[in-house]
Amino acid sequence: MPDPVILTLSGSLRREATNRKLLAEAVRLIGDATHVEADLNLPLYDGDVESSDGIPAAVQTLADQITAADAVIISTPEYNKAPSGVLKNALDWVSRTDGRPLAGKPVAVMSAAAGRAGGEVAQAMLRTMLISFQPSVVAGPALHLAGSGSQFDETGHLTSDQYLTTLSALMQNLRKEI
C-alpha cells in the first residue's frame, strides 16, 4: 500500500508561524506519508464574486487537495478567542465547492498560541465549525500548545516531552483512521 497523503492546513500564513511548525512536527511523527501543505492565502469570500466568476482557482485547488488527501491535519492560532480569519475564510470557500470534500475525511485538530491555554477556545470553536462538513474528527488527545513561541528548538522540533507524547498519540490515532 502506498504512503498516505496528509494535507496540512495552518491557520497562520506566516512562514515561521508556530502552527506551521506544529504541523511539521505532526507530519514527522505520523511516519511514512506524503505531505502536502495547503495554501490558505485565498481571496476573501464574497458571494458576488462567486456569482459572477465562480469558485476561484486557488479555492478549487484546496478543495481538490482535501478530496485527494487520505487525512487532514489543521492547526489554528487563537485570535481574540477564535480561530483565525484565514482559516474561517478557507472553510467558508470550501463549503461552496462541489462534492463535500471533508465529508468522512479523517481530520486531526490542534492549536498553538502564545497564551497559557494554547488556543483551547479557538480549537473548540474550530471543532464546532467543522460539524457541518461532517469529517471524522479524531477525538484526541487534545493538543493545545501554550506559550508556543518558546516550544521549538532551532531546528523546529518540539522541546517538551509532554507535548511530544500528546502529539505522537494524536498522530497515532489519526493514522488508525486512515
N, C-alpha and C. Protein backbone atom coordinates (compact mmCIF):
# COMPACT_ATOMS: atom_id res chain seq x y z
N MET A 1 0.84 -1.18 0.00
CA MET A 1 0.00 0.00 0.00
C MET A 1 0.88 1.24 0.00
N PRO A 2 0.57 2.24 -0.85
CA PRO A 2 1.39 3.45 -0.89
C PRO A 2 1.23 4.27 0.39
N ASP A 3 2.20 5.16 0.62
CA ASP A 3 2.12 6.04 1.78
C ASP A 3 0.87 6.90 1.69
N PRO A 4 0.21 7.15 2.82
CA PRO A 4 -0.98 8.01 2.78
C PRO A 4 -0.60 9.45 2.47
N VAL A 5 -1.54 10.18 1.90
CA VAL A 5 -1.35 11.60 1.62
C VAL A 5 -1.96 12.38 2.78
N ILE A 6 -1.12 13.20 3.43
CA ILE A 6 -1.54 14.02 4.56
C ILE A 6 -1.53 15.47 4.13
N LEU A 7 -2.67 16.12 4.20
CA LEU A 7 -2.79 17.54 3.87
C LEU A 7 -2.81 18.33 5.17
N THR A 8 -1.97 19.37 5.25
CA THR A 8 -1.96 20.21 6.44
C THR A 8 -2.49 21.60 6.11
N LEU A 9 -3.27 22.14 7.05
CA LEU A 9 -3.84 23.47 6.94
C LEU A 9 -3.42 24.27 8.17
N SER A 10 -2.67 25.33 7.95
CA SER A 10 -2.27 26.21 9.04
C SER A 10 -3.13 27.46 9.02
N GLY A 11 -3.70 27.78 10.16
CA GLY A 11 -4.50 28.99 10.28
C GLY A 11 -3.67 30.25 10.30
N SER A 12 -2.36 30.13 10.23
CA SER A 12 -1.48 31.29 10.18
C SER A 12 -0.69 31.25 8.88
N LEU A 13 -0.60 32.40 8.23
CA LEU A 13 0.12 32.48 6.95
C LEU A 13 1.62 32.74 7.11
N ARG A 14 2.06 33.17 8.27
CA ARG A 14 3.48 33.48 8.46
C ARG A 14 4.35 32.25 8.22
N ARG A 15 5.46 32.44 7.52
CA ARG A 15 6.38 31.33 7.24
C ARG A 15 6.88 30.67 8.51
N GLU A 16 7.18 31.46 9.54
CA GLU A 16 7.73 30.94 10.79
C GLU A 16 6.67 30.77 11.88
N ALA A 17 5.42 30.70 11.50
CA ALA A 17 4.33 30.55 12.47
C ALA A 17 4.49 29.26 13.28
N THR A 18 4.19 29.34 14.55
CA THR A 18 4.29 28.14 15.38
C THR A 18 3.26 27.09 14.98
N ASN A 19 2.15 27.48 14.40
CA ASN A 19 1.19 26.49 13.91
C ASN A 19 1.76 25.71 12.73
N ARG A 20 2.52 26.36 11.88
CA ARG A 20 3.18 25.66 10.77
C ARG A 20 4.26 24.71 11.31
N LYS A 21 4.99 25.17 12.34
CA LYS A 21 6.00 24.31 12.95
C LYS A 21 5.33 23.10 13.61
N LEU A 22 4.21 23.32 14.27
CA LEU A 22 3.49 22.22 14.91
C LEU A 22 3.01 21.21 13.87
N LEU A 23 2.53 21.70 12.75
CA LEU A 23 2.10 20.79 11.68
C LEU A 23 3.28 19.99 11.12
N ALA A 24 4.43 20.63 10.99
CA ALA A 24 5.62 19.91 10.51
C ALA A 24 6.00 18.80 11.48
N GLU A 25 5.91 19.07 12.77
CA GLU A 25 6.18 18.04 13.78
C GLU A 25 5.15 16.91 13.69
N ALA A 26 3.89 17.26 13.46
CA ALA A 26 2.86 16.24 13.33
C ALA A 26 3.15 15.31 12.15
N VAL A 27 3.53 15.90 11.04
CA VAL A 27 3.86 15.10 9.85
C VAL A 27 5.08 14.22 10.13
N ARG A 28 6.06 14.75 10.81
CA ARG A 28 7.24 13.95 11.16
C ARG A 28 6.86 12.76 12.03
N LEU A 29 5.94 13.00 12.99
CA LEU A 29 5.58 11.95 13.94
C LEU A 29 4.59 10.93 13.39
N ILE A 30 3.85 11.28 12.35
CA ILE A 30 2.88 10.34 11.81
C ILE A 30 3.58 9.21 11.05
N GLY A 31 4.82 9.44 10.65
CA GLY A 31 5.56 8.39 9.96
C GLY A 31 5.46 8.51 8.46
N ASP A 32 5.69 7.40 7.78
CA ASP A 32 5.72 7.40 6.32
C ASP A 32 4.42 7.95 5.75
N ALA A 33 4.55 9.05 5.03
CA ALA A 33 3.39 9.70 4.42
C ALA A 33 3.89 10.71 3.40
N THR A 34 3.04 11.03 2.46
CA THR A 34 3.29 12.10 1.53
C THR A 34 2.61 13.34 2.09
N HIS A 35 3.39 14.40 2.27
CA HIS A 35 2.86 15.62 2.89
C HIS A 35 2.58 16.68 1.84
N VAL A 36 1.40 17.26 1.92
CA VAL A 36 1.02 18.40 1.09
C VAL A 36 0.59 19.52 2.03
N GLU A 37 1.20 20.68 1.89
CA GLU A 37 0.82 21.84 2.70
C GLU A 37 -0.12 22.72 1.89
N ALA A 38 -1.32 22.93 2.40
CA ALA A 38 -2.31 23.75 1.71
C ALA A 38 -1.92 25.22 1.76
N ASP A 39 -2.28 25.95 0.75
CA ASP A 39 -2.08 27.39 0.70
C ASP A 39 -3.42 28.05 1.01
N LEU A 40 -3.52 28.68 2.18
CA LEU A 40 -4.77 29.32 2.57
C LEU A 40 -4.76 30.82 2.29
N ASN A 41 -3.82 31.28 1.52
CA ASN A 41 -3.78 32.69 1.14
C ASN A 41 -4.78 32.88 -0.01
N LEU A 42 -6.05 32.94 0.36
CA LEU A 42 -7.16 32.96 -0.59
C LEU A 42 -7.84 34.33 -0.57
N PRO A 43 -8.57 34.66 -1.64
CA PRO A 43 -9.35 35.90 -1.59
C PRO A 43 -10.44 35.77 -0.52
N LEU A 44 -10.84 36.90 0.03
CA LEU A 44 -11.94 36.87 0.99
C LEU A 44 -13.20 36.36 0.31
N TYR A 45 -13.97 35.54 1.03
CA TYR A 45 -15.21 35.05 0.45
C TYR A 45 -16.12 36.23 0.15
N ASP A 46 -16.68 36.23 -1.05
CA ASP A 46 -17.61 37.27 -1.48
C ASP A 46 -18.61 36.59 -2.40
N GLY A 47 -19.86 36.56 -1.97
CA GLY A 47 -20.91 35.91 -2.77
C GLY A 47 -21.07 36.53 -4.14
N ASP A 48 -20.82 37.84 -4.27
CA ASP A 48 -20.90 38.47 -5.59
C ASP A 48 -19.81 37.95 -6.51
N VAL A 49 -18.60 37.78 -5.98
CA VAL A 49 -17.50 37.23 -6.77
C VAL A 49 -17.85 35.80 -7.19
N GLU A 50 -18.36 35.03 -6.23
CA GLU A 50 -18.73 33.65 -6.57
C GLU A 50 -19.79 33.63 -7.66
N SER A 51 -20.80 34.50 -7.57
CA SER A 51 -21.87 34.54 -8.57
C SER A 51 -21.37 34.95 -9.95
N SER A 52 -20.46 35.93 -9.97
CA SER A 52 -20.01 36.43 -11.27
C SER A 52 -18.85 35.63 -11.87
N ASP A 53 -17.95 35.14 -11.01
CA ASP A 53 -16.74 34.49 -11.51
C ASP A 53 -16.62 33.01 -11.17
N GLY A 54 -17.48 32.53 -10.28
CA GLY A 54 -17.39 31.14 -9.85
C GLY A 54 -16.37 30.97 -8.74
N ILE A 55 -16.02 29.74 -8.48
CA ILE A 55 -15.05 29.40 -7.44
C ILE A 55 -13.66 29.77 -7.94
N PRO A 56 -12.89 30.57 -7.16
CA PRO A 56 -11.52 30.90 -7.58
C PRO A 56 -10.66 29.64 -7.73
N ALA A 57 -9.71 29.69 -8.65
CA ALA A 57 -8.85 28.54 -8.91
C ALA A 57 -8.13 28.07 -7.65
N ALA A 58 -7.65 29.01 -6.83
CA ALA A 58 -6.93 28.62 -5.60
C ALA A 58 -7.84 27.89 -4.63
N VAL A 59 -9.09 28.26 -4.59
CA VAL A 59 -10.06 27.58 -3.72
C VAL A 59 -10.34 26.18 -4.25
N GLN A 60 -10.52 26.06 -5.56
CA GLN A 60 -10.76 24.74 -6.14
C GLN A 60 -9.57 23.83 -5.93
N THR A 61 -8.36 24.39 -6.02
CA THR A 61 -7.15 23.60 -5.74
C THR A 61 -7.21 23.07 -4.31
N LEU A 62 -7.57 23.91 -3.35
CA LEU A 62 -7.67 23.47 -1.96
C LEU A 62 -8.71 22.37 -1.81
N ALA A 63 -9.87 22.54 -2.40
CA ALA A 63 -10.92 21.51 -2.32
C ALA A 63 -10.44 20.20 -2.95
N ASP A 64 -9.74 20.30 -4.07
CA ASP A 64 -9.20 19.10 -4.72
C ASP A 64 -8.13 18.42 -3.87
N GLN A 65 -7.31 19.23 -3.19
CA GLN A 65 -6.30 18.66 -2.29
C GLN A 65 -6.96 17.93 -1.12
N ILE A 66 -8.01 18.50 -0.59
CA ILE A 66 -8.73 17.84 0.51
C ILE A 66 -9.31 16.52 0.02
N THR A 67 -9.92 16.54 -1.14
CA THR A 67 -10.50 15.32 -1.71
C THR A 67 -9.45 14.24 -1.92
N ALA A 68 -8.28 14.63 -2.42
CA ALA A 68 -7.21 13.68 -2.73
C ALA A 68 -6.50 13.16 -1.49
N ALA A 69 -6.56 13.91 -0.39
CA ALA A 69 -5.84 13.52 0.82
C ALA A 69 -6.50 12.33 1.51
N ASP A 70 -5.67 11.53 2.15
CA ASP A 70 -6.18 10.44 2.98
C ASP A 70 -6.57 10.94 4.37
N ALA A 71 -5.96 12.05 4.78
CA ALA A 71 -6.26 12.66 6.08
C ALA A 71 -5.84 14.12 6.04
N VAL A 72 -6.44 14.91 6.94
CA VAL A 72 -6.15 16.33 7.03
C VAL A 72 -5.77 16.65 8.48
N ILE A 73 -4.76 17.50 8.63
CA ILE A 73 -4.37 18.00 9.95
C ILE A 73 -4.52 19.51 9.90
N ILE A 74 -5.27 20.06 10.85
CA ILE A 74 -5.50 21.50 10.92
C ILE A 74 -4.94 22.02 12.24
N SER A 75 -4.17 23.11 12.15
CA SER A 75 -3.67 23.77 13.35
C SER A 75 -4.06 25.24 13.29
N THR A 76 -4.67 25.72 14.37
CA THR A 76 -5.12 27.10 14.39
C THR A 76 -4.49 27.90 15.51
N PRO A 77 -4.16 29.15 15.23
CA PRO A 77 -3.82 30.06 16.32
C PRO A 77 -5.13 30.51 16.97
N GLU A 78 -5.00 31.27 18.04
CA GLU A 78 -6.18 31.85 18.66
C GLU A 78 -6.07 33.36 18.58
N TYR A 79 -6.98 33.96 17.83
CA TYR A 79 -7.03 35.41 17.68
C TYR A 79 -8.35 35.88 18.29
N ASN A 80 -8.28 36.61 19.38
CA ASN A 80 -9.47 37.14 20.03
C ASN A 80 -10.49 36.05 20.36
N LYS A 81 -9.97 34.96 20.94
CA LYS A 81 -10.80 33.83 21.39
C LYS A 81 -11.49 33.09 20.25
N ALA A 82 -10.86 33.08 19.07
CA ALA A 82 -11.46 32.40 17.91
C ALA A 82 -10.35 31.92 16.98
N PRO A 83 -10.69 30.99 16.08
CA PRO A 83 -9.74 30.61 15.03
C PRO A 83 -9.44 31.83 14.16
N SER A 84 -8.38 31.77 13.42
CA SER A 84 -8.00 32.90 12.56
C SER A 84 -9.02 33.10 11.45
N GLY A 85 -9.08 34.35 10.98
CA GLY A 85 -9.92 34.66 9.84
C GLY A 85 -9.49 33.92 8.59
N VAL A 86 -8.19 33.69 8.47
CA VAL A 86 -7.64 32.94 7.33
C VAL A 86 -8.27 31.55 7.26
N LEU A 87 -8.32 30.87 8.38
CA LEU A 87 -8.87 29.52 8.42
C LEU A 87 -10.38 29.54 8.20
N LYS A 88 -11.07 30.46 8.84
CA LYS A 88 -12.52 30.58 8.66
C LYS A 88 -12.85 30.86 7.21
N ASN A 89 -12.11 31.78 6.59
CA ASN A 89 -12.33 32.11 5.19
C ASN A 89 -12.14 30.89 4.28
N ALA A 90 -11.08 30.12 4.54
CA ALA A 90 -10.82 28.92 3.73
C ALA A 90 -11.98 27.93 3.85
N LEU A 91 -12.45 27.73 5.07
CA LEU A 91 -13.57 26.80 5.27
C LEU A 91 -14.84 27.33 4.61
N ASP A 92 -15.07 28.64 4.69
CA ASP A 92 -16.23 29.22 4.02
C ASP A 92 -16.18 28.96 2.53
N TRP A 93 -15.02 29.17 1.92
CA TRP A 93 -14.89 28.92 0.49
C TRP A 93 -15.07 27.43 0.17
N VAL A 94 -14.42 26.56 0.93
CA VAL A 94 -14.53 25.12 0.66
C VAL A 94 -15.98 24.66 0.75
N SER A 95 -16.74 25.26 1.65
CA SER A 95 -18.16 24.88 1.78
C SER A 95 -18.96 25.21 0.53
N ARG A 96 -18.43 26.06 -0.33
CA ARG A 96 -19.14 26.46 -1.55
C ARG A 96 -18.75 25.59 -2.75
N THR A 97 -17.78 24.70 -2.58
CA THR A 97 -17.35 23.86 -3.70
C THR A 97 -18.24 22.61 -3.79
N ASP A 98 -18.18 21.97 -4.93
CA ASP A 98 -18.95 20.74 -5.14
C ASP A 98 -18.28 19.54 -4.48
N GLY A 99 -19.07 18.58 -4.08
CA GLY A 99 -18.55 17.30 -3.66
C GLY A 99 -18.29 17.10 -2.18
N ARG A 100 -18.49 18.11 -1.35
CA ARG A 100 -18.28 17.96 0.09
C ARG A 100 -16.96 17.26 0.40
N PRO A 101 -15.83 17.90 0.10
CA PRO A 101 -14.52 17.25 0.21
C PRO A 101 -14.13 16.77 1.60
N LEU A 102 -14.65 17.37 2.66
CA LEU A 102 -14.27 16.96 4.01
C LEU A 102 -15.17 15.86 4.59
N ALA A 103 -16.27 15.57 3.94
CA ALA A 103 -17.22 14.59 4.47
C ALA A 103 -16.55 13.22 4.64
N GLY A 104 -16.57 12.71 5.88
CA GLY A 104 -16.00 11.41 6.17
C GLY A 104 -14.48 11.38 6.24
N LYS A 105 -13.83 12.49 5.97
CA LYS A 105 -12.36 12.56 5.92
C LYS A 105 -11.80 12.55 7.34
N PRO A 106 -10.80 11.72 7.64
CA PRO A 106 -10.15 11.78 8.95
C PRO A 106 -9.44 13.13 9.11
N VAL A 107 -9.74 13.81 10.22
CA VAL A 107 -9.17 15.14 10.48
C VAL A 107 -8.67 15.19 11.92
N ALA A 108 -7.44 15.65 12.09
CA ALA A 108 -6.90 15.93 13.42
C ALA A 108 -6.83 17.44 13.56
N VAL A 109 -7.25 17.93 14.74
CA VAL A 109 -7.28 19.36 15.02
C VAL A 109 -6.34 19.64 16.18
N MET A 110 -5.59 20.73 16.09
CA MET A 110 -4.70 21.14 17.16
C MET A 110 -4.58 22.65 17.13
N SER A 111 -3.94 23.20 18.15
CA SER A 111 -3.76 24.65 18.19
C SER A 111 -2.45 24.99 18.86
N ALA A 112 -1.91 26.15 18.45
CA ALA A 112 -0.70 26.69 19.04
C ALA A 112 -0.92 28.18 19.21
N ALA A 113 -0.70 28.67 20.42
CA ALA A 113 -0.93 30.08 20.70
C ALA A 113 0.04 30.56 21.77
N ALA A 114 0.22 31.85 21.83
CA ALA A 114 1.14 32.44 22.80
C ALA A 114 0.62 32.34 24.23
N GLY A 115 -0.67 32.31 24.41
CA GLY A 115 -1.27 32.33 25.74
C GLY A 115 -1.15 31.02 26.50
N ARG A 116 -1.58 31.07 27.76
CA ARG A 116 -1.47 29.92 28.67
C ARG A 116 -2.37 28.76 28.28
N ALA A 117 -3.47 29.04 27.59
CA ALA A 117 -4.41 27.96 27.24
C ALA A 117 -4.09 27.33 25.88
N GLY A 118 -3.12 27.88 25.17
CA GLY A 118 -2.67 27.25 23.93
C GLY A 118 -3.69 27.21 22.81
N GLY A 119 -4.64 28.14 22.82
CA GLY A 119 -5.64 28.15 21.76
C GLY A 119 -6.83 27.24 22.01
N GLU A 120 -7.06 26.90 23.26
CA GLU A 120 -8.14 25.96 23.59
C GLU A 120 -9.50 26.44 23.10
N VAL A 121 -9.80 27.72 23.29
CA VAL A 121 -11.10 28.25 22.86
C VAL A 121 -11.21 28.22 21.33
N ALA A 122 -10.16 28.63 20.65
CA ALA A 122 -10.16 28.60 19.18
C ALA A 122 -10.34 27.18 18.66
N GLN A 123 -9.67 26.24 19.30
CA GLN A 123 -9.79 24.85 18.86
C GLN A 123 -11.21 24.33 19.06
N ALA A 124 -11.82 24.67 20.17
CA ALA A 124 -13.20 24.25 20.42
C ALA A 124 -14.14 24.85 19.37
N MET A 125 -13.91 26.11 19.04
CA MET A 125 -14.73 26.75 18.01
C MET A 125 -14.50 26.11 16.64
N LEU A 126 -13.25 25.78 16.35
CA LEU A 126 -12.94 25.12 15.08
C LEU A 126 -13.66 23.78 14.99
N ARG A 127 -13.65 23.02 16.06
CA ARG A 127 -14.36 21.74 16.06
C ARG A 127 -15.85 21.95 15.78
N THR A 128 -16.42 23.00 16.34
CA THR A 128 -17.83 23.33 16.08
C THR A 128 -18.02 23.72 14.63
N MET A 129 -17.12 24.53 14.09
CA MET A 129 -17.22 24.95 12.69
C MET A 129 -17.16 23.76 11.74
N LEU A 130 -16.46 22.71 12.11
CA LEU A 130 -16.31 21.56 11.23
C LEU A 130 -17.55 20.67 11.18
N ILE A 131 -18.44 20.80 12.13
CA ILE A 131 -19.61 19.91 12.21
C ILE A 131 -20.37 19.86 10.89
N SER A 132 -20.61 21.00 10.27
CA SER A 132 -21.40 21.00 9.03
C SER A 132 -20.69 20.31 7.87
N PHE A 133 -19.37 20.16 7.96
CA PHE A 133 -18.61 19.48 6.91
C PHE A 133 -18.65 17.96 7.07
N GLN A 134 -19.00 17.48 8.25
CA GLN A 134 -19.11 16.06 8.60
C GLN A 134 -17.84 15.24 8.37
N PRO A 135 -16.69 15.77 8.81
CA PRO A 135 -15.49 14.94 8.74
C PRO A 135 -15.48 13.96 9.91
N SER A 136 -14.53 13.07 9.91
CA SER A 136 -14.30 12.17 11.03
C SER A 136 -13.18 12.78 11.88
N VAL A 137 -13.57 13.67 12.80
CA VAL A 137 -12.58 14.38 13.62
C VAL A 137 -12.07 13.44 14.71
N VAL A 138 -10.76 13.31 14.78
CA VAL A 138 -10.12 12.48 15.80
C VAL A 138 -10.42 13.11 17.16
N ALA A 139 -10.92 12.32 18.09
CA ALA A 139 -11.36 12.84 19.39
C ALA A 139 -10.21 13.38 20.23
N GLY A 140 -9.05 12.82 20.09
CA GLY A 140 -7.95 13.31 20.92
C GLY A 140 -6.80 12.35 20.90
N PRO A 141 -5.84 12.60 21.75
CA PRO A 141 -5.85 13.57 22.83
C PRO A 141 -5.76 15.00 22.29
N ALA A 142 -6.33 15.93 23.06
CA ALA A 142 -6.32 17.33 22.67
C ALA A 142 -4.92 17.91 22.81
N LEU A 143 -4.51 18.67 21.81
CA LEU A 143 -3.21 19.33 21.86
C LEU A 143 -3.43 20.83 21.75
N HIS A 144 -3.17 21.54 22.85
CA HIS A 144 -3.24 22.99 22.91
C HIS A 144 -1.84 23.46 23.31
N LEU A 145 -1.04 23.86 22.34
CA LEU A 145 0.35 24.23 22.59
C LEU A 145 0.42 25.65 23.15
N ALA A 146 0.64 25.75 24.45
CA ALA A 146 0.70 27.04 25.13
C ALA A 146 2.11 27.63 25.05
N GLY A 147 2.18 28.96 25.11
CA GLY A 147 3.48 29.60 25.04
C GLY A 147 4.25 29.15 23.82
N SER A 148 3.56 29.07 22.69
CA SER A 148 4.10 28.37 21.52
C SER A 148 5.41 28.96 20.99
N GLY A 149 5.66 30.23 21.23
CA GLY A 149 6.89 30.85 20.74
C GLY A 149 8.16 30.29 21.35
N SER A 150 8.02 29.64 22.51
CA SER A 150 9.21 29.09 23.18
C SER A 150 9.21 27.56 23.23
N GLN A 151 8.39 26.93 22.41
CA GLN A 151 8.25 25.47 22.48
C GLN A 151 9.05 24.69 21.44
N PHE A 152 9.78 25.40 20.56
CA PHE A 152 10.52 24.74 19.49
C PHE A 152 11.99 25.09 19.58
N ASP A 153 12.84 24.11 19.23
CA ASP A 153 14.28 24.39 19.19
C ASP A 153 14.63 25.03 17.85
N GLU A 154 15.91 25.28 17.64
CA GLU A 154 16.35 25.96 16.42
C GLU A 154 16.10 25.15 15.16
N THR A 155 15.89 23.84 15.28
CA THR A 155 15.60 23.01 14.11
C THR A 155 14.10 22.85 13.87
N GLY A 156 13.28 23.47 14.73
CA GLY A 156 11.83 23.39 14.56
C GLY A 156 11.16 22.24 15.27
N HIS A 157 11.91 21.52 16.11
CA HIS A 157 11.33 20.39 16.84
C HIS A 157 10.81 20.84 18.20
N LEU A 158 9.71 20.22 18.62
CA LEU A 158 9.18 20.49 19.95
C LEU A 158 10.20 20.08 21.00
N THR A 159 10.29 20.87 22.05
CA THR A 159 11.26 20.58 23.11
C THR A 159 10.62 19.93 24.34
N SER A 160 9.31 19.98 24.46
CA SER A 160 8.61 19.44 25.63
C SER A 160 8.24 17.97 25.41
N ASP A 161 8.68 17.11 26.31
CA ASP A 161 8.30 15.70 26.22
C ASP A 161 6.79 15.52 26.33
N GLN A 162 6.16 16.33 27.15
CA GLN A 162 4.70 16.23 27.33
C GLN A 162 3.98 16.51 26.01
N TYR A 163 4.36 17.59 25.34
CA TYR A 163 3.72 17.92 24.06
C TYR A 163 4.07 16.89 22.99
N LEU A 164 5.29 16.41 22.98
CA LEU A 164 5.68 15.36 22.01
C LEU A 164 4.87 14.09 22.22
N THR A 165 4.68 13.70 23.47
CA THR A 165 3.90 12.50 23.77
C THR A 165 2.45 12.68 23.32
N THR A 166 1.88 13.85 23.60
CA THR A 166 0.49 14.11 23.21
C THR A 166 0.35 14.13 21.70
N LEU A 167 1.26 14.82 21.01
CA LEU A 167 1.19 14.90 19.56
C LEU A 167 1.40 13.53 18.93
N SER A 168 2.30 12.74 19.46
CA SER A 168 2.51 11.38 18.95
C SER A 168 1.25 10.55 19.08
N ALA A 169 0.59 10.63 20.22
CA ALA A 169 -0.65 9.87 20.44
C ALA A 169 -1.74 10.34 19.48
N LEU A 170 -1.85 11.65 19.28
CA LEU A 170 -2.85 12.18 18.35
C LEU A 170 -2.58 11.68 16.93
N MET A 171 -1.31 11.67 16.53
CA MET A 171 -0.97 11.21 15.18
C MET A 171 -1.19 9.70 15.04
N GLN A 172 -0.94 8.94 16.09
CA GLN A 172 -1.23 7.50 16.05
C GLN A 172 -2.73 7.28 15.88
N ASN A 173 -3.52 8.08 16.57
CA ASN A 173 -4.99 7.95 16.44
C ASN A 173 -5.46 8.35 15.06
N LEU A 174 -4.85 9.39 14.48
CA LEU A 174 -5.20 9.77 13.11
C LEU A 174 -4.81 8.67 12.16
N ARG A 175 -3.64 8.11 12.32
CA ARG A 175 -3.16 7.04 11.45
C ARG A 175 -4.13 5.85 11.45
N LYS A 176 -4.70 5.55 12.61
CA LYS A 176 -5.69 4.45 12.70
C LYS A 176 -6.94 4.73 11.89
N GLU A 177 -7.26 6.01 11.70
CA GLU A 177 -8.47 6.40 10.96
C GLU A 177 -8.29 6.34 9.44
N ILE A 178 -7.03 6.28 9.01
CA ILE A 178 -6.76 6.30 7.56
C ILE A 178 -7.06 4.94 6.96
